[in-house]
Amino acid sequence: MALLQRVAERGRRVVRFVLDGRPVEALEGDTILTAMLTNGDRLRRSEFADTPRAGFCLMGACQDCWVRTEDGQRLRACGSFIEDGMRLVSEGEWQS
């Protein structure tokens, strides 16, 4: 189930991406954080307690929203925009 629900604005172009191996959609101009949380229940799991994480400060200061692409690239979800064809993961070892 998605953590965030879009309630009003929907007039932007659809962006298709892959999240944890499944095709999903976001809207052009969405941050990765918004795109992931409108399609899932977390950004990642905490490396300390295995609890779900969904960002904290939402302005790039706290280090809580780092996510990875399938090929291992690290991205700050709150400050990076979703792009067509991105392949993101919220599971597994994200830090290295």
PDB file of N, CA and C in Angstrom:
ATOM      1  N   MET A   1       0.839  -1.178   0.000  1.00  0.00           N
ATOM      2  CA  MET A   1       0.000   0.000   0.000  1.00  0.00           C
ATOM      3  C   MET A   1       0.889   1.248   0.000  1.00  0.00           C
ATOM      4  N   ALA A   2       0.500   2.237  -0.736  1.00  0.00           N
ATOM      5  CA  ALA A   2       1.270   3.476  -0.837  1.00  0.00           C
ATOM      6  C   ALA A   2       1.166   4.292   0.449  1.00  0.00           C
ATOM      7  N   LEU A   3       2.286   4.880   0.866  1.00  0.00           N
ATOM      8  CA  LEU A   3       2.299   5.715   2.051  1.00  0.00           C
ATOM      9  C   LEU A   3       1.657   7.070   1.776  1.00  0.00           C
ATOM     10  N   LEU A   4       1.857   7.616   0.561  1.00  0.00           N
ATOM     11  CA  LEU A   4       1.271   8.893   0.169  1.00  0.00           C
ATOM     12  C   LEU A   4       0.196   8.681  -0.891  1.00  0.00           C
ATOM     13  N   GLN A   5      -0.854   9.461  -0.831  1.00  0.00           N
ATOM     14  CA  GLN A   5      -1.919   9.415  -1.823  1.00  0.00           C
ATOM     15  C   GLN A   5      -2.033  10.773  -2.499  1.00  0.00           C
ATOM     16  N   ARG A   6      -2.015  10.772  -3.822  1.00  0.00           N
ATOM     17  CA  ARG A   6      -2.185  12.016  -4.572  1.00  0.00           C
ATOM     18  C   ARG A   6      -3.670  12.360  -4.545  1.00  0.00           C
ATOM     19  N   VAL A   7      -4.021  13.562  -4.087  1.00  0.00           N
ATOM     20  CA  VAL A   7      -5.436  13.890  -3.928  1.00  0.00           C
ATOM     21  C   VAL A   7      -5.972  14.913  -4.918  1.00  0.00           C
ATOM     22  N   ALA A   8      -5.119  15.670  -5.564  1.00  0.00           N
ATOM     23  CA  ALA A   8      -5.662  16.716  -6.435  1.00  0.00           C
ATOM     24  C   ALA A   8      -4.910  16.806  -7.748  1.00  0.00           C
ATOM     25  N   GLU A   9      -3.802  17.478  -7.771  1.00  0.00           N
ATOM     26  CA  GLU A   9      -3.079  17.811  -8.995  1.00  0.00           C
ATOM     27  C   GLU A   9      -2.614  16.568  -9.734  1.00  0.00           C
ATOM     28  N   ARG A  10      -3.048  16.457 -10.992  1.00  0.00           N
ATOM     29  CA  ARG A  10      -2.675  15.308 -11.806  1.00  0.00           C
ATOM     30  C   ARG A  10      -2.389  15.707 -13.258  1.00  0.00           C
ATOM     31  N   GLY A  11      -2.230  16.984 -13.534  1.00  0.00           N
ATOM     32  CA  GLY A  11      -2.140  17.464 -14.902  1.00  0.00           C
ATOM     33  C   GLY A  11      -0.779  17.373 -15.571  1.00  0.00           C
ATOM     34  N   ARG A  12       0.195  16.743 -14.928  1.00  0.00           N
ATOM     35  CA  ARG A  12       1.532  16.642 -15.517  1.00  0.00           C
ATOM     36  C   ARG A  12       1.706  15.337 -16.286  1.00  0.00           C
ATOM     37  N   ARG A  13       2.722  15.307 -17.130  1.00  0.00           N
ATOM     38  CA  ARG A  13       3.025  14.119 -17.932  1.00  0.00           C
ATOM     39  C   ARG A  13       3.378  12.935 -17.025  1.00  0.00           C
ATOM     40  N   VAL A  14       2.952  11.742 -17.406  1.00  0.00           N
ATOM     41  CA  VAL A  14       3.257  10.519 -16.666  1.00  0.00           C
ATOM     42  C   VAL A  14       4.696  10.096 -16.950  1.00  0.00           C
ATOM     43  N   VAL A  15       5.403   9.720 -15.890  1.00  0.00           N
ATOM     44  CA  VAL A  15       6.764   9.209 -15.972  1.00  0.00           C
ATOM     45  C   VAL A  15       6.718   7.760 -15.509  1.00  0.00           C
ATOM     46  N   ARG A  16       7.257   6.864 -16.331  1.00  0.00           N
ATOM     47  CA  ARG A  16       7.265   5.437 -15.986  1.00  0.00           C
ATOM     48  C   ARG A  16       8.644   5.041 -15.478  1.00  0.00           C
ATOM     49  N   PHE A  17       8.655   4.287 -14.362  1.00  0.00           N
ATOM     50  CA  PHE A  17       9.909   3.808 -13.806  1.00  0.00           C
ATOM     51  C   PHE A  17       9.669   2.450 -13.164  1.00  0.00           C
ATOM     52  N   VAL A  18      10.725   1.824 -12.682  1.00  0.00           N
ATOM     53  CA  VAL A  18      10.630   0.503 -12.061  1.00  0.00           C
ATOM     54  C   VAL A  18      11.044   0.641 -10.606  1.00  0.00           C
ATOM     55  N   LEU A  19      10.217   0.111  -9.699  1.00  0.00           N
ATOM     56  CA  LEU A  19      10.489   0.130  -8.267  1.00  0.00           C
ATOM     57  C   LEU A  19      10.473  -1.294  -7.754  1.00  0.00           C
ATOM     58  N   ASP A  20      11.602  -1.751  -7.265  1.00  0.00           N
ATOM     59  CA  ASP A  20      11.727  -3.119  -6.754  1.00  0.00           C
ATOM     60  C   ASP A  20      11.254  -4.149  -7.772  1.00  0.00           C
ATOM     61  N   GLY A  21      11.593  -3.921  -9.035  1.00  0.00           N
ATOM     62  CA  GLY A  21      11.288  -4.869 -10.084  1.00  0.00           C
ATOM     63  C   GLY A  21       9.901  -4.768 -10.688  1.00  0.00           C
ATOM     64  N   ARG A  22       9.072  -3.858 -10.207  1.00  0.00           N
ATOM     65  CA  ARG A  22       7.724  -3.733 -10.770  1.00  0.00           C
ATOM     66  C   ARG A  22       7.543  -2.378 -11.439  1.00  0.00           C
ATOM     67  N   PRO A  23       6.895  -2.353 -12.607  1.00  0.00           N
ATOM     68  CA  PRO A  23       6.669  -1.085 -13.300  1.00  0.00           C
ATOM     69  C   PRO A  23       5.625  -0.240 -12.570  1.00  0.00           C
ATOM     70  N   VAL A  24       5.936   1.049 -12.386  1.00  0.00           N
ATOM     71  CA  VAL A  24       5.035   1.981 -11.711  1.00  0.00           C
ATOM     72  C   VAL A  24       5.094   3.324 -12.426  1.00  0.00           C
ATOM     73  N   GLU A  25       4.264   4.260 -11.975  1.00  0.00           N
ATOM     74  CA  GLU A  25       4.198   5.573 -12.608  1.00  0.00           C
ATOM     75  C   GLU A  25       4.263   6.686 -11.565  1.00  0.00           C
ATOM     76  N   ALA A  26       4.791   7.813 -12.002  1.00  0.00           N
ATOM     77  CA  ALA A  26       4.806   9.043 -11.214  1.00  0.00           C
ATOM     78  C   ALA A  26       4.438  10.170 -12.162  1.00  0.00           C
ATOM     79  N   LEU A  27       4.547  11.393 -11.704  1.00  0.00           N
ATOM     80  CA  LEU A  27       4.291  12.549 -12.560  1.00  0.00           C
ATOM     81  C   LEU A  27       5.568  13.345 -12.751  1.00  0.00           C
ATOM     82  N   GLU A  28       5.752  13.876 -13.948  1.00  0.00           N
ATOM     83  CA  GLU A  28       6.914  14.697 -14.245  1.00  0.00           C
ATOM     84  C   GLU A  28       7.030  15.809 -13.211  1.00  0.00           C
ATOM     85  N   GLY A  29       8.236  15.997 -12.674  1.00  0.00           N
ATOM     86  CA  GLY A  29       8.458  16.997 -11.641  1.00  0.00           C
ATOM     87  C   GLY A  29       8.401  16.447 -10.235  1.00  0.00           C
ATOM     88  N   ASP A  30       7.950  15.197 -10.067  1.00  0.00           N
ATOM     89  CA  ASP A  30       7.970  14.564  -8.751  1.00  0.00           C
ATOM     90  C   ASP A  30       9.409  14.300  -8.336  1.00  0.00           C
ATOM     91  N   THR A  31       9.697  14.454  -7.060  1.00  0.00           N
ATOM     92  CA  THR A  31      10.988  13.994  -6.557  1.00  0.00           C
ATOM     93  C   THR A  31      10.948  12.468  -6.503  1.00  0.00           C
ATOM     94  N   ILE A  32      12.107  11.864  -6.390  1.00  0.00           N
ATOM     95  CA  ILE A  32      12.160  10.409  -6.220  1.00  0.00           C
ATOM     96  C   ILE A  32      11.404  10.018  -4.961  1.00  0.00           C
ATOM     97  N   LEU A  33      11.525  10.822  -3.912  1.00  0.00           N
ATOM     98  CA  LEU A  33      10.812  10.548  -2.670  1.00  0.00           C
ATOM     99  C   LEU A  33       9.304  10.471  -2.909  1.00  0.00           C
ATOM    100  N   THR A  34       8.745  11.452  -3.577  1.00  0.00           N
ATOM    101  CA  THR A  34       7.314  11.452  -3.878  1.00  0.00           C
ATOM    102  C   THR A  34       6.945  10.260  -4.758  1.00  0.00           C
ATOM    103  N   ALA A  35       7.744  10.003  -5.779  1.00  0.00           N
ATOM    104  CA  ALA A  35       7.462   8.890  -6.694  1.00  0.00           C
ATOM    105  C   ALA A  35       7.468   7.563  -5.964  1.00  0.00           C
ATOM    106  N   MET A  36       8.442   7.348  -5.085  1.00  0.00           N
ATOM    107  CA  MET A  36       8.513   6.071  -4.356  1.00  0.00           C
ATOM    108  C   MET A  36       7.395   5.939  -3.334  1.00  0.00           C
ATOM    109  N   LEU A  37       7.074   7.024  -2.621  1.00  0.00           N
ATOM    110  CA  LEU A  37       6.063   6.919  -1.564  1.00  0.00           C
ATOM    111  C   LEU A  37       4.635   6.943  -2.089  1.00  0.00           C
ATOM    112  N   THR A  38       4.409   7.357  -3.331  1.00  0.00           N
ATOM    113  CA  THR A  38       3.073   7.211  -3.916  1.00  0.00           C
ATOM    114  C   THR A  38       2.912   5.837  -4.560  1.00  0.00           C
ATOM    115  N   ASN A  39       3.990   5.045  -4.557  1.00  0.00           N
ATOM    116  CA  ASN A  39       3.952   3.690  -5.112  1.00  0.00           C
ATOM    117  C   ASN A  39       4.385   2.616  -4.126  1.00  0.00           C
ATOM    118  N   GLY A  40       4.666   2.983  -2.892  1.00  0.00           N
ATOM    119  CA  GLY A  40       5.112   2.017  -1.901  1.00  0.00           C
ATOM    120  C   GLY A  40       4.991   2.572  -0.499  1.00  0.00           C
ATOM    121  N   ASP A  41       5.428   1.780   0.464  1.00  0.00           N
ATOM    122  CA  ASP A  41       5.250   2.167   1.862  1.00  0.00           C
ATOM    123  C   ASP A  41       6.532   2.643   2.537  1.00  0.00           C
ATOM    124  N   ARG A  42       7.638   2.802   1.766  1.00  0.00           N
ATOM    125  CA  ARG A  42       8.897   3.260   2.349  1.00  0.00           C
ATOM    126  C   ARG A  42       9.884   3.635   1.251  1.00  0.00           C
ATOM    127  N   LEU A  43      10.938   4.331   1.634  1.00  0.00           N
ATOM    128  CA  LEU A  43      12.065   4.564   0.725  1.00  0.00           C
ATOM    129  C   LEU A  43      13.041   3.403   0.827  1.00  0.00           C
ATOM    130  N   ARG A  44      13.277   2.959   2.054  1.00  0.00           N
ATOM    131  CA  ARG A  44      14.222   1.881   2.329  1.00  0.00           C
ATOM    132  C   ARG A  44      14.001   1.412   3.754  1.00  0.00           C
ATOM    133  N   ARG A  45      14.805   0.476   4.204  1.00  0.00           N
ATOM    134  CA  ARG A  45      14.781   0.032   5.599  1.00  0.00           C
ATOM    135  C   ARG A  45      16.015   0.568   6.307  1.00  0.00           C
ATOM    136  N   SER A  46      15.862   0.897   7.580  1.00  0.00           N
ATOM    137  CA  SER A  46      16.976   1.400   8.375  1.00  0.00           C
ATOM    138  C   SER A  46      18.070   0.345   8.460  1.00  0.00           C
ATOM    139  N   GLU A  47      19.299   0.792   8.324  1.00  0.00           N
ATOM    140  CA  GLU A  47      20.422  -0.124   8.446  1.00  0.00           C
ATOM    141  C   GLU A  47      20.698  -0.494   9.899  1.00  0.00           C
ATOM    142  N   PHE A  48      20.046   0.161  10.857  1.00  0.00           N
ATOM    143  CA  PHE A  48      20.274  -0.095  12.269  1.00  0.00           C
ATOM    144  C   PHE A  48      19.203  -0.959  12.920  1.00  0.00           C
ATOM    145  N   ALA A  49      17.949  -0.814  12.492  1.00  0.00           N
ATOM    146  CA  ALA A  49      16.868  -1.522  13.178  1.00  0.00           C
ATOM    147  C   ALA A  49      15.934  -2.252  12.227  1.00  0.00           C
ATOM    148  N   ASP A  50      16.222  -2.253  10.928  1.00  0.00           N
ATOM    149  CA  ASP A  50      15.379  -2.880   9.923  1.00  0.00           C
ATOM    150  C   ASP A  50      13.957  -2.327   9.917  1.00  0.00           C
ATOM    151  N   THR A  51      13.808  -1.071  10.311  1.00  0.00           N
ATOM    152  CA  THR A  51      12.499  -0.422  10.294  1.00  0.00           C
ATOM    153  C   THR A  51      12.361   0.410   9.020  1.00  0.00           C
ATOM    154  N   PRO A  52      11.142   0.630   8.556  1.00  0.00           N
ATOM    155  CA  PRO A  52      10.956   1.410   7.333  1.00  0.00           C
ATOM    156  C   PRO A  52      11.326   2.872   7.522  1.00  0.00           C
ATOM    157  N   ARG A  53      11.949   3.453   6.505  1.00  0.00           N
ATOM    158  CA  ARG A  53      12.336   4.862   6.517  1.00  0.00           C
ATOM    159  C   ARG A  53      11.635   5.567   5.360  1.00  0.00           C
ATOM    160  N   ALA A  54      11.187   6.802   5.605  1.00  0.00           N
ATOM    161  CA  ALA A  54      10.474   7.548   4.570  1.00  0.00           C
ATOM    162  C   ALA A  54      10.987   8.976   4.457  1.00  0.00           C
ATOM    163  N   GLY A  55      12.230   9.201   4.811  1.00  0.00           N
ATOM    164  CA  GLY A  55      12.768  10.553   4.816  1.00  0.00           C
ATOM    165  C   GLY A  55      12.502  11.211   6.153  1.00  0.00           C
ATOM    166  N   PHE A  56      13.245  12.259   6.445  1.00  0.00           N
ATOM    167  CA  PHE A  56      13.084  12.925   7.738  1.00  0.00           C
ATOM    168  C   PHE A  56      12.985  14.434   7.560  1.00  0.00           C
ATOM    169  N   CYS A  57      14.060  15.079   7.138  1.00  0.00           N
ATOM    170  CA  CYS A  57      14.039  16.545   7.060  1.00  0.00           C
ATOM    171  C   CYS A  57      13.421  17.039   5.753  1.00  0.00           C
ATOM    172  N   LEU A  58      13.478  16.227   4.697  1.00  0.00           N
ATOM    173  CA  LEU A  58      12.920  16.522   3.378  1.00  0.00           C
ATOM    174  C   LEU A  58      13.554  17.737   2.709  1.00  0.00           C
ATOM    175  N   MET A  59      14.790  18.077   3.118  1.00  0.00           N
ATOM    176  CA  MET A  59      15.502  19.180   2.468  1.00  0.00           C
ATOM    177  C   MET A  59      16.980  18.872   2.237  1.00  0.00           C
ATOM    178  N   GLY A  60      17.360  17.602   2.331  1.00  0.00           N
ATOM    179  CA  GLY A  60      18.713  17.198   1.996  1.00  0.00           C
ATOM    180  C   GLY A  60      19.755  17.373   3.070  1.00  0.00           C
ATOM    181  N   ALA A  61      19.360  17.539   4.322  1.00  0.00           N
ATOM    182  CA  ALA A  61      20.329  17.760   5.389  1.00  0.00           C
ATOM    183  C   ALA A  61      20.568  16.542   6.279  1.00  0.00           C
ATOM    184  N   CYS A  62      19.643  15.585   6.328  1.00  0.00           N
ATOM    185  CA  CYS A  62      19.710  14.563   7.370  1.00  0.00           C
ATOM    186  C   CYS A  62      20.281  13.215   6.941  1.00  0.00           C
ATOM    187  N   GLN A  63      20.477  12.951   5.689  1.00  0.00           N
ATOM    188  CA  GLN A  63      21.017  11.681   5.186  1.00  0.00           C
ATOM    189  C   GLN A  63      20.026  10.512   5.273  1.00  0.00           C
ATOM    190  N   ASP A  64      18.759  10.756   5.566  1.00  0.00           N
ATOM    191  CA  ASP A  64      17.799   9.677   5.754  1.00  0.00           C
ATOM    192  C   ASP A  64      17.157   9.192   4.455  1.00  0.00           C
ATOM    193  N   CYS A  65      17.270   9.948   3.387  1.00  0.00           N
ATOM    194  CA  CYS A  65      16.527   9.585   2.180  1.00  0.00           C
ATOM    195  C   CYS A  65      17.404   9.017   1.056  1.00  0.00           C
ATOM    196  N   TRP A  66      18.614   8.573   1.363  1.00  0.00           N
ATOM    197  CA  TRP A  66      19.438   7.962   0.320  1.00  0.00           C
ATOM    198  C   TRP A  66      18.778   6.688  -0.180  1.00  0.00           C
ATOM    199  N   VAL A  67      18.687   6.542  -1.496  1.00  0.00           N
ATOM    200  CA  VAL A  67      18.199   5.313  -2.129  1.00  0.00           C
ATOM    201  C   VAL A  67      19.185   4.942  -3.232  1.00  0.00           C
ATOM    202  N   ARG A  68      18.974   3.787  -3.835  1.00  0.00           N
ATOM    203  CA  ARG A  68      19.866   3.321  -4.894  1.00  0.00           C
ATOM    204  C   ARG A  68      19.093   2.935  -6.136  1.00  0.00           C
ATOM    205  N   THR A  69      19.788   3.041  -7.247  1.00  0.00           N
ATOM    206  CA  THR A  69      19.274   2.477  -8.487  1.00  0.00           C
ATOM    207  C   THR A  69      19.677   1.007  -8.515  1.00  0.00           C
ATOM    208  N   GLU A  70      19.110   0.238  -9.433  1.00  0.00           N
ATOM    209  CA  GLU A  70      19.466  -1.180  -9.530  1.00  0.00           C
ATOM    210  C   GLU A  70      20.953  -1.382  -9.796  1.00  0.00           C
ATOM    211  N   ASP A  71      21.592  -0.425 -10.470  1.00  0.00           N
ATOM    212  CA  ASP A  71      23.021  -0.582 -10.766  1.00  0.00           C
ATOM    213  C   ASP A  71      23.922  -0.009  -9.666  1.00  0.00           C
ATOM    214  N   GLY A  72      23.336   0.400  -8.533  1.00  0.00           N
ATOM    215  CA  GLY A  72      24.122   0.803  -7.373  1.00  0.00           C
ATOM    216  C   GLY A  72      24.355   2.287  -7.194  1.00  0.00           C
ATOM    217  N   GLN A  73      23.880   3.121  -8.092  1.00  0.00           N
ATOM    218  CA  GLN A  73      24.059   4.569  -7.944  1.00  0.00           C
ATOM    219  C   GLN A  73      23.246   5.067  -6.752  1.00  0.00           C
ATOM    220  N   ARG A  74      23.864   5.844  -5.879  1.00  0.00           N
ATOM    221  CA  ARG A  74      23.164   6.439  -4.733  1.00  0.00           C
ATOM    222  C   ARG A  74      22.547   7.766  -5.138  1.00  0.00           C
ATOM    223  N   LEU A  75      21.303   7.974  -4.708  1.00  0.00           N
ATOM    224  CA  LEU A  75      20.584   9.218  -4.999  1.00  0.00           C
ATOM    225  C   LEU A  75      19.903   9.705  -3.729  1.00  0.00           C
ATOM    226  N   ARG A  76      19.877  11.003  -3.548  1.00  0.00           N
ATOM    227  CA  ARG A  76      19.128  11.593  -2.432  1.00  0.00           C
ATOM    228  C   ARG A  76      17.695  11.787  -2.919  1.00  0.00           C
ATOM    229  N   ALA A  77      16.770  11.003  -2.394  1.00  0.00           N
ATOM    230  CA  ALA A  77      15.400  10.966  -2.898  1.00  0.00           C
ATOM    231  C   ALA A  77      14.652  12.279  -2.735  1.00  0.00           C
ATOM    232  N   CYS A  78      14.963  13.055  -1.700  1.00  0.00           N
ATOM    233  CA  CYS A  78      14.218  14.295  -1.483  1.00  0.00           C
ATOM    234  C   CYS A  78      14.651  15.415  -2.421  1.00  0.00           C
ATOM    235  N   GLY A  79      15.844  15.302  -3.014  1.00  0.00           N
ATOM    236  CA  GLY A  79      16.341  16.382  -3.852  1.00  0.00           C
ATOM    237  C   GLY A  79      16.613  15.998  -5.293  1.00  0.00           C
ATOM    238  N   SER A  80      16.251  14.783  -5.680  1.00  0.00           N
ATOM    239  CA  SER A  80      16.456  14.310  -7.057  1.00  0.00           C
ATOM    240  C   SER A  80      15.098  14.046  -7.695  1.00  0.00           C
ATOM    241  N   PHE A  81      14.981  14.378  -8.963  1.00  0.00           N
ATOM    242  CA  PHE A  81      13.708  14.196  -9.656  1.00  0.00           C
ATOM    243  C   PHE A  81      13.647  12.841 -10.351  1.00  0.00           C
ATOM    244  N   ILE A  82      12.462  12.267 -10.361  1.00  0.00           N
ATOM    245  CA  ILE A  82      12.233  10.998 -11.053  1.00  0.00           C
ATOM    246  C   ILE A  82      12.398  11.208 -12.551  1.00  0.00           C
ATOM    247  N   GLU A  83      12.915  10.208 -13.232  1.00  0.00           N
ATOM    248  CA  GLU A  83      13.098  10.260 -14.678  1.00  0.00           C
ATOM    249  C   GLU A  83      12.533   9.004 -15.311  1.00  0.00           C
ATOM    250  N   ASP A  84      12.061   9.146 -16.551  1.00  0.00           N
ATOM    251  CA  ASP A  84      11.590   7.979 -17.296  1.00  0.00           C
ATOM    252  C   ASP A  84      12.658   6.898 -17.303  1.00  0.00           C
ATOM    253  N   GLY A  85      12.238   5.668 -17.036  1.00  0.00           N
ATOM    254  CA  GLY A  85      13.141   4.534 -17.136  1.00  0.00           C
ATOM    255  C   GLY A  85      14.013   4.271 -15.929  1.00  0.00           C
ATOM    256  N   MET A  86      13.949   5.107 -14.895  1.00  0.00           N
ATOM    257  CA  MET A  86      14.741   4.835 -13.686  1.00  0.00           C
ATOM    258  C   MET A  86      14.368   3.469 -13.136  1.00  0.00           C
ATOM    259  N   ARG A  87      15.347   2.811 -12.533  1.00  0.00           N
ATOM    260  CA  ARG A  87      15.141   1.508 -11.914  1.00  0.00           C
ATOM    261  C   ARG A  87      15.642   1.620 -10.471  1.00  0.00           C
ATOM    262  N   LEU A  88      14.706   1.778  -9.526  1.00  0.00           N
ATOM    263  CA  LEU A  88      15.027   2.048  -8.128  1.00  0.00           C
ATOM    264  C   LEU A  88      14.749   0.840  -7.255  1.00  0.00           C
ATOM    265  N   VAL A  89      15.480   0.758  -6.150  1.00  0.00           N
ATOM    266  CA  VAL A  89      15.270  -0.336  -5.198  1.00  0.00           C
ATOM    267  C   VAL A  89      15.097   0.213  -3.789  1.00  0.00           C
ATOM    268  N   SER A  90      14.207  -0.412  -3.032  1.00  0.00           N
ATOM    269  CA  SER A  90      14.028  -0.056  -1.622  1.00  0.00           C
ATOM    270  C   SER A  90      14.420  -1.219  -0.728  1.00  0.00           C
ATOM    271  N   GLU A  91      14.815  -2.322  -1.305  1.00  0.00           N
ATOM    272  CA  GLU A  91      15.168  -3.532  -0.565  1.00  0.00           C
ATOM    273  C   GLU A  91      16.669  -3.762  -0.588  1.00  0.00           C
ATOM    274  N   GLY A  92      17.154  -4.597   0.317  1.00  0.00           N
ATOM    275  CA  GLY A  92      18.539  -5.052   0.275  1.00  0.00           C
ATOM    276  C   GLY A  92      19.523  -4.069   0.858  1.00  0.00           C
ATOM    277  N   GLU A  93      20.788  -4.417   0.708  1.00  0.00           N
ATOM    278  CA  GLU A  93      21.878  -3.588   1.221  1.00  0.00           C
ATOM    279  C   GLU A  93      22.002  -2.335   0.370  1.00  0.00           C
ATOM    280  N   TRP A  94      21.676  -1.204   0.905  1.00  0.00           N
ATOM    281  CA  TRP A  94      21.740   0.032   0.126  1.00  0.00           C
ATOM    282  C   TRP A  94      23.020   0.804   0.384  1.00  0.00           C
ATOM    283  N   GLN A  95      23.644   0.602   1.522  1.00  0.00           N
ATOM    284  CA  GLN A  95      24.858   1.339   1.822  1.00  0.00           C
ATOM    285  C   GLN A  95      26.081   0.486   1.510  1.00  0.00           C
ATOM    286  N   SER A  96      27.167   1.138   1.154  1.00  0.00           N
ATOM    287  CA  SER A  96      28.434   0.426   0.971  1.00  0.00           C
ATOM    288  C   SER A  96      29.584   1.400   1.021  1.00  0.00           C
TER     289      SER A  96
END
